[in-house]
Amino acid sequence: MGFLFCGRDDNNSMNDQAISPPAPADLSNAREIFAGIRSLVDVETAAVDSLILRELHSDVVLINQIGQYIVGSGGKRLRPMLHLLSAKALGYAGEHHITLATVIEFIHTATLLHDDVVDESSLRRGQDSANALWGNSASVLVGDYLYSRSFELMVRVQNMRVMDIISHTTTAIAEGEVLQLLNCNNPSTDERQYLDVISRKTAILFSAAAQLAAVLVGAPPEIEESLKNYGTYLGMAFQLKDDVLDYKANPEEWGKNLGDDLAEGKPTLPLIYALSQSTGEDAAMLRHAVENGERDDFKKVYAVIESTDAISYTERRAGDAANKAIEQLKFLPESEYKSALITLARFAVNRGY
């Protein structure tokens, strides 16, 4: 299928220098903003939801119960939505984007099941986690089932590039999970190591979601690369903002308890930066909190994070990532879908507390 795109200006290529945070627009009501973005692909999202329900069906009752509980537990469907918006922005008129959006959601759901077991989490999106209800063994095995179903679905598209991207993505996610496990309770984890973890564990699926849309339409390599990069930067922005929200969000809105990352011994960027700026008793306290994963230290940890401007630093890093994501979209033709992708990047970093 033909594809119209804007020419690349090599003089304006991206670089790694810090840039100012993206214009905030009016994101005072984040739910309405997000709903407005999602409304552009309401028809496609409904088709994805229907396919999810069909493909989750199994004659093994426990698989149905756990799979439908997780998929129906109030998630944003952010990654499938990103794929659908990207496909529409490129003028895709087929049906494979519905299949791939479902594949992406199955992979994401499988990672959530595995994550909660590894992290011993009892809460997910404000509800009991699957492992809290059915146990670790069942959660891991149903996660494996969802991975398998995603690969069955992927094959239906009959596109080797699609299979190559998704298989690489799942491998990178697994590597990110292992790297995060190695960093757990390790106060020596630095910013570079942490960013490596989240680029594999989180950003890679955003990247694949956007890139696969370009593959579906047979877009030129530069457009595919731009969308791939957009997804990467967007995923990084979302995760870095999540790091901030773990210390400052309203727990009822957040769907998690404040300090969950600290309690799990995860050195996220606010904590890593605070450690790099601290000495003496403050540094010793932070190291002890990471090594022991003690939520009891949350107030003391938060006080040091505030005093070192670690929250502001992390938000600036998230803003840099969001701006770089937006920059990647300048090669797409103007449309309401492109505008929605830009707003999504701004939404990522302007979500409230």
Protein backbone atom coordinates (compact mmCIF):
# COMPACT_ATOMS: atom_id res chain seq x y z
CA MET A 1 0.00 0.00 0.00
CA GLY A 2 1.24 3.51 -0.75
CA PHE A 3 2.37 5.82 2.01
CA LEU A 4 2.76 9.60 2.03
CA PHE A 5 5.34 11.05 4.39
CA CYS A 6 7.23 14.26 5.01
CA GLY A 7 10.89 14.44 4.08
CA ARG A 8 13.59 14.10 6.72
CA ASP A 9 15.69 17.12 7.60
CA ASP A 10 19.05 15.69 8.61
CA ASN A 11 20.07 19.00 10.12
CA ASN A 12 17.40 18.52 12.78
CA SER A 13 18.26 14.99 13.84
CA MET A 14 17.85 14.00 17.45
CA ASN A 15 20.69 14.17 19.92
CA ASP A 16 21.13 13.20 23.56
CA GLN A 17 21.33 16.71 24.97
CA ALA A 18 18.80 17.64 27.63
CA ILE A 19 15.95 19.76 26.31
CA SER A 20 13.17 21.65 27.98
CA PRO A 21 10.06 19.76 29.13
CA PRO A 22 7.20 19.53 26.62
CA ALA A 23 4.53 22.20 26.64
CA PRO A 24 2.02 21.05 29.23
CA ALA A 25 -1.10 21.97 27.23
CA ASP A 26 -4.24 21.82 29.36
CA LEU A 27 -3.95 18.45 31.09
CA SER A 28 -5.69 19.46 34.30
CA ASN A 29 -8.20 16.66 33.78
CA ALA A 30 -6.03 13.72 32.82
CA ARG A 31 -8.90 11.28 32.53
CA GLU A 32 -10.74 13.46 30.02
CA ILE A 33 -7.56 14.01 28.02
CA PHE A 34 -6.86 10.30 27.88
CA ALA A 35 -10.48 9.51 27.00
CA GLY A 36 -10.29 12.03 24.17
CA ILE A 37 -7.21 10.34 22.74
CA ARG A 38 -8.77 6.89 23.05
CA SER A 39 -12.03 8.02 21.42
CA LEU A 40 -10.20 8.33 18.09
CA VAL A 41 -9.83 4.54 18.01
CA ASP A 42 -13.00 3.54 19.87
CA VAL A 43 -14.18 1.25 17.05
CA GLU A 44 -10.80 -0.47 16.82
CA THR A 45 -10.52 -0.76 20.60
CA ALA A 46 -13.91 -2.47 20.75
CA ALA A 47 -12.69 -4.93 18.11
CA VAL A 48 -9.55 -5.58 20.17
CA ASP A 49 -11.62 -6.19 23.30
CA SER A 50 -13.80 -8.68 21.43
CA LEU A 51 -10.76 -10.51 20.08
CA ILE A 52 -9.19 -10.59 23.55
CA LEU A 53 -12.28 -12.27 24.98
CA ARG A 54 -12.40 -14.81 22.14
CA GLU A 55 -8.72 -15.65 22.32
CA LEU A 56 -8.71 -15.92 26.11
CA HIS A 57 -11.22 -18.75 25.95
CA SER A 58 -9.88 -22.09 27.10
CA ASP A 59 -11.46 -25.32 28.27
CA VAL A 60 -9.22 -24.96 31.33
CA VAL A 61 -11.48 -22.99 33.66
CA LEU A 62 -8.71 -21.46 35.76
CA ILE A 63 -7.10 -19.93 32.67
CA ASN A 64 -10.39 -18.26 31.80
CA GLN A 65 -10.84 -16.96 35.34
CA ILE A 66 -7.37 -15.49 35.78
CA GLY A 67 -6.99 -14.20 32.25
CA GLN A 68 -10.34 -12.42 32.23
CA TYR A 69 -9.75 -11.05 35.74
CA ILE A 70 -6.47 -9.44 34.72
CA VAL A 71 -7.55 -8.18 31.30
CA GLY A 72 -10.79 -6.80 32.72
CA SER A 73 -9.28 -5.15 35.78
CA GLY A 74 -9.36 -1.57 34.54
CA GLY A 75 -6.12 -1.15 32.61
CA LYS A 76 -5.77 1.71 30.14
CA ARG A 77 -4.97 -0.54 27.16
CA LEU A 78 -2.24 2.03 26.57
CA ARG A 79 0.07 -0.09 24.44
CA PRO A 80 -2.65 -1.45 22.13
CA MET A 81 -4.00 2.09 21.80
CA LEU A 82 -0.55 3.31 20.80
CA HIS A 83 -0.41 0.68 18.06
CA LEU A 84 -3.89 1.56 16.80
CA LEU A 85 -3.18 5.31 16.77
CA SER A 86 0.11 4.76 14.95
CA ALA A 87 -1.58 2.58 12.34
CA LYS A 88 -4.29 5.18 11.76
CA ALA A 89 -1.68 7.95 11.57
CA LEU A 90 -0.07 6.01 8.72
CA GLY A 91 -3.38 5.47 6.92
CA TYR A 92 -3.59 1.72 7.49
CA ALA A 93 -6.88 0.30 6.21
CA GLY A 94 -6.53 -3.42 6.90
CA GLU A 95 -7.39 -5.57 9.93
CA HIS A 96 -4.04 -6.88 11.15
CA HIS A 97 -3.66 -3.94 13.53
CA ILE A 98 -6.50 -5.44 15.60
CA THR A 99 -4.63 -8.72 15.85
CA LEU A 100 -1.33 -7.07 16.74
CA ALA A 101 -2.93 -4.79 19.33
CA THR A 102 -4.29 -7.94 20.98
CA VAL A 103 -0.87 -9.58 20.83
CA ILE A 104 0.64 -6.52 22.51
CA GLU A 105 -1.97 -6.56 25.28
CA PHE A 106 -1.46 -10.29 25.90
CA ILE A 107 2.29 -9.81 26.21
CA HIS A 108 1.80 -6.89 28.57
CA THR A 109 -0.69 -8.84 30.69
CA ALA A 110 1.69 -11.79 30.89
CA THR A 111 4.46 -9.51 32.15
CA LEU A 112 2.11 -8.12 34.83
CA LEU A 113 1.32 -11.62 36.08
CA HIS A 114 5.01 -12.50 36.26
CA ASP A 115 5.97 -9.12 37.76
CA ASP A 116 3.52 -9.46 40.63
CA VAL A 117 4.87 -12.90 41.49
CA VAL A 118 8.49 -11.75 41.41
CA ASP A 119 7.67 -8.60 43.40
CA GLU A 120 5.33 -10.45 45.78
CA SER A 121 2.75 -7.76 45.06
CA SER A 122 -0.72 -8.11 46.53
CA LEU A 123 -2.26 -5.11 44.74
CA ARG A 124 -2.61 -4.31 41.06
CA ARG A 125 -4.64 -1.35 39.75
CA GLY A 126 -6.26 -0.94 43.13
CA GLN A 127 -7.46 -4.56 43.24
CA ASP A 128 -6.11 -7.82 44.61
CA SER A 129 -3.39 -9.13 42.32
CA ALA A 130 -3.93 -12.48 40.62
CA ASN A 131 -1.21 -14.14 42.68
CA ALA A 132 -2.87 -12.90 45.86
CA LEU A 133 -6.12 -14.57 44.78
CA TRP A 134 -4.96 -17.74 43.02
CA GLY A 135 -1.36 -18.16 44.12
CA ASN A 136 2.03 -17.78 42.47
CA SER A 137 2.06 -21.03 40.51
CA ALA A 138 -1.25 -20.38 38.77
CA SER A 139 -0.25 -16.79 37.96
CA VAL A 140 3.05 -17.81 36.38
CA LEU A 141 1.46 -20.57 34.33
CA VAL A 142 -1.37 -18.36 33.05
CA GLY A 143 1.24 -15.74 32.16
CA ASP A 144 3.01 -18.42 30.13
CA TYR A 145 -0.30 -19.27 28.48
CA LEU A 146 -0.80 -15.64 27.45
CA TYR A 147 2.68 -15.53 25.94
CA SER A 148 1.87 -18.66 23.96
CA ARG A 149 -1.46 -17.26 22.76
CA SER A 150 0.24 -14.05 21.69
CA PHE A 151 2.61 -16.01 19.47
CA GLU A 152 -0.24 -18.02 17.98
CA LEU A 153 -1.99 -14.76 17.11
CA MET A 154 1.18 -13.21 15.74
CA VAL A 155 1.64 -16.02 13.25
CA ARG A 156 -1.76 -15.26 11.70
CA VAL A 157 -0.40 -11.99 10.34
CA GLN A 158 2.11 -14.03 8.28
CA ASN A 159 4.78 -11.36 8.27
CA MET A 160 8.33 -12.32 9.17
CA ARG A 161 9.24 -8.75 10.17
CA VAL A 162 6.36 -8.76 12.65
CA MET A 163 7.52 -12.06 14.14
CA ASP A 164 11.10 -10.83 14.32
CA ILE A 165 10.14 -7.62 16.16
CA ILE A 166 7.82 -9.34 18.65
CA SER A 167 10.21 -12.18 19.41
CA HIS A 168 13.03 -9.67 19.97
CA THR A 169 10.72 -7.63 22.18
CA THR A 170 9.78 -10.53 24.45
CA THR A 171 13.44 -11.50 24.77
CA ALA A 172 14.37 -7.94 25.75
CA ILE A 173 11.54 -7.83 28.32
CA ALA A 174 12.84 -11.02 29.92
CA GLU A 175 16.36 -9.58 30.00
CA GLY A 176 15.03 -6.42 31.62
CA GLU A 177 13.26 -8.47 34.28
CA VAL A 178 16.47 -10.33 35.11
CA LEU A 179 18.49 -7.11 35.20
CA GLN A 180 15.93 -5.57 37.54
CA LEU A 181 16.20 -8.62 39.78
CA LEU A 182 19.99 -8.19 39.88
CA ASN A 183 19.58 -4.52 40.82
CA CYS A 184 17.06 -5.30 43.54
CA ASN A 185 18.31 -4.32 47.02
CA ASN A 186 21.49 -2.98 45.40
CA PRO A 187 22.14 0.65 46.44
CA SER A 188 25.10 0.80 44.03
CA THR A 189 22.78 0.73 41.02
CA ASP A 190 23.50 3.86 38.99
CA GLU A 191 21.38 5.87 36.57
CA ARG A 192 22.84 4.23 33.47
CA GLN A 193 22.06 0.75 34.79
CA TYR A 194 18.56 1.76 35.76
CA LEU A 195 17.78 3.34 32.39
CA ASP A 196 19.02 0.17 30.72
CA VAL A 197 16.53 -1.84 32.77
CA ILE A 198 13.50 0.30 31.96
CA SER A 199 14.42 0.59 28.29
CA ARG A 200 14.21 -3.21 28.06
CA LYS A 201 11.52 -3.95 30.60
CA THR A 202 9.08 -1.13 29.82
CA ALA A 203 9.98 1.00 26.80
CA ILE A 204 10.59 -1.91 24.41
CA LEU A 205 6.90 -2.85 24.23
CA PHE A 206 5.90 0.77 23.55
CA SER A 207 8.57 0.81 20.85
CA ALA A 208 7.29 -2.38 19.25
CA ALA A 209 3.68 -1.16 19.37
CA ALA A 210 4.52 1.93 17.33
CA GLN A 211 7.04 0.26 15.02
CA LEU A 212 4.70 -2.58 14.08
CA ALA A 213 2.24 -0.07 12.65
CA ALA A 214 4.92 1.08 10.22
CA VAL A 215 5.69 -2.52 9.29
CA LEU A 216 2.02 -3.17 8.51
CA VAL A 217 1.84 -0.35 5.95
CA GLY A 218 5.29 -1.01 4.49
CA ALA A 219 6.47 2.45 5.49
CA PRO A 220 9.96 3.62 4.47
CA PRO A 221 12.78 2.64 6.86
CA GLU A 222 13.16 6.18 8.20
CA ILE A 223 9.48 6.31 9.19
CA GLU A 224 9.69 2.90 10.84
CA GLU A 225 12.76 4.03 12.77
CA SER A 226 11.08 7.27 13.82
CA LEU A 227 8.03 5.46 15.19
CA LYS A 228 10.24 2.92 16.90
CA ASN A 229 12.14 5.75 18.59
CA TYR A 230 8.91 7.56 19.44
CA GLY A 231 7.68 4.46 21.27
CA THR A 232 10.97 4.07 23.12
CA TYR A 233 11.02 7.66 24.35
CA LEU A 234 7.32 7.53 25.21
CA GLY A 235 7.81 4.37 27.27
CA MET A 236 10.75 5.93 29.09
CA ALA A 237 8.70 9.05 29.84
CA PHE A 238 5.81 7.01 31.24
CA GLN A 239 8.10 4.92 33.44
CA LEU A 240 10.06 7.87 34.80
CA LYS A 241 6.82 9.65 35.66
CA ASP A 242 5.64 6.44 37.35
CA ASP A 243 8.83 6.57 39.43
CA VAL A 244 7.78 10.02 40.62
CA LEU A 245 4.20 8.94 41.28
CA ASP A 246 5.40 6.10 43.47
CA TYR A 247 6.50 8.79 45.92
CA LYS A 248 3.86 11.47 45.37
CA ALA A 249 0.63 10.05 43.92
CA ASN A 250 -2.75 9.81 45.58
CA PRO A 251 -2.87 6.07 46.41
CA GLU A 252 -6.57 5.85 45.52
CA GLU A 253 -5.89 7.31 42.07
CA TRP A 254 -2.60 5.48 41.67
CA GLY A 255 -4.02 2.03 42.45
CA LYS A 256 -0.90 1.18 44.44
CA ASN A 257 0.51 2.01 47.84
CA LEU A 258 3.07 4.80 47.99
CA GLY A 259 6.57 3.45 48.41
CA ASP A 260 5.89 0.08 46.79
CA ASP A 261 9.13 0.32 44.82
CA LEU A 262 11.05 1.10 48.00
CA ALA A 263 9.36 -1.77 49.85
CA GLU A 264 10.44 -4.12 47.04
CA GLY A 265 14.03 -2.88 47.23
CA LYS A 266 13.88 -1.31 43.76
CA PRO A 267 16.27 1.62 43.32
CA THR A 268 14.29 3.81 40.91
CA LEU A 269 15.61 7.10 39.57
CA PRO A 270 14.47 9.42 42.41
CA LEU A 271 16.23 7.18 44.91
CA ILE A 272 19.30 6.70 42.73
CA TYR A 273 19.67 10.44 42.22
CA ALA A 274 19.10 11.18 45.92
CA LEU A 275 21.83 8.68 46.81
CA SER A 276 24.23 10.29 44.35
CA GLN A 277 23.64 13.68 46.04
CA SER A 278 23.80 12.48 49.66
CA THR A 279 26.57 11.91 52.17
CA GLY A 280 26.92 10.84 55.78
CA GLU A 281 23.83 9.72 57.68
CA ASP A 282 21.45 10.47 54.82
CA ALA A 283 23.41 8.29 52.39
CA ALA A 284 23.68 5.50 54.96
CA MET A 285 19.94 5.62 55.62
CA LEU A 286 19.11 5.48 51.91
CA ARG A 287 21.47 2.56 51.35
CA HIS A 288 19.95 0.70 54.28
CA ALA A 289 16.43 1.33 52.95
CA VAL A 290 17.32 -0.09 49.53
CA GLU A 291 19.20 -3.07 50.95
CA ASN A 292 16.35 -4.03 53.26
CA GLY A 293 13.32 -2.85 51.32
CA GLU A 294 11.81 -1.23 54.39
CA ARG A 295 8.61 0.74 53.87
CA ASP A 296 8.97 1.96 57.47
CA ASP A 297 11.73 4.27 56.25
CA PHE A 298 9.49 5.87 53.62
CA LYS A 299 9.06 9.23 55.38
CA LYS A 300 12.79 9.59 56.01
CA VAL A 301 13.62 8.50 52.48
CA TYR A 302 11.09 10.92 51.03
CA ALA A 303 12.54 13.78 53.07
CA VAL A 304 15.98 13.19 51.55
CA ILE A 305 14.51 12.79 48.08
CA GLU A 306 12.81 16.17 48.49
CA SER A 307 15.91 17.87 49.90
CA THR A 308 18.05 16.71 46.95
CA ASP A 309 15.48 17.76 44.32
CA ALA A 310 15.40 14.16 43.10
CA ILE A 311 11.72 14.43 42.14
CA SER A 312 12.38 17.52 40.01
CA TYR A 313 15.39 15.83 38.43
CA THR A 314 13.36 12.74 37.51
CA GLU A 315 10.57 14.88 36.09
CA ARG A 316 13.09 16.76 33.95
CA ARG A 317 14.42 13.46 32.63
CA ALA A 318 10.86 12.35 31.87
CA GLY A 319 10.23 15.67 30.12
CA ASP A 320 13.36 15.23 28.00
CA ALA A 321 12.13 11.79 26.92
CA ALA A 322 8.66 13.10 26.07
CA ASN A 323 10.08 15.94 24.02
CA LYS A 324 12.31 13.55 22.10
CA ALA A 325 9.27 11.37 21.43
CA ILE A 326 7.37 14.34 20.00
CA GLU A 327 10.38 15.28 17.86
CA GLN A 328 10.25 11.88 16.19
CA LEU A 329 6.74 12.58 14.90
CA LYS A 330 7.70 15.56 12.75
CA PHE A 331 8.11 13.23 9.77
CA LEU A 332 4.49 12.03 9.89
CA PRO A 333 1.76 13.69 7.82
CA GLU A 334 -0.52 16.00 9.79
CA SER A 335 -3.67 14.33 11.12
CA GLU A 336 -5.77 14.07 14.24
CA TYR A 337 -3.96 10.82 15.01
CA LYS A 338 -0.55 12.50 14.89
CA SER A 339 -1.93 15.20 17.19
CA ALA A 340 -3.15 12.51 19.55
CA LEU A 341 0.31 10.91 19.64
CA ILE A 342 1.80 14.29 20.54
CA THR A 343 -0.79 14.80 23.28
CA LEU A 344 -0.09 11.30 24.58
CA ALA A 345 3.58 12.21 25.10
CA ARG A 346 2.56 15.34 26.99
CA PHE A 347 0.03 13.35 29.01
CA ALA A 348 2.78 10.89 30.00
CA VAL A 349 4.68 13.52 31.96
CA ASN A 350 1.90 15.86 33.07
CA ARG A 351 -0.19 13.33 34.97
CA GLY A 352 -1.02 14.72 38.38
CA TYR A 353 -0.54 13.53 41.90
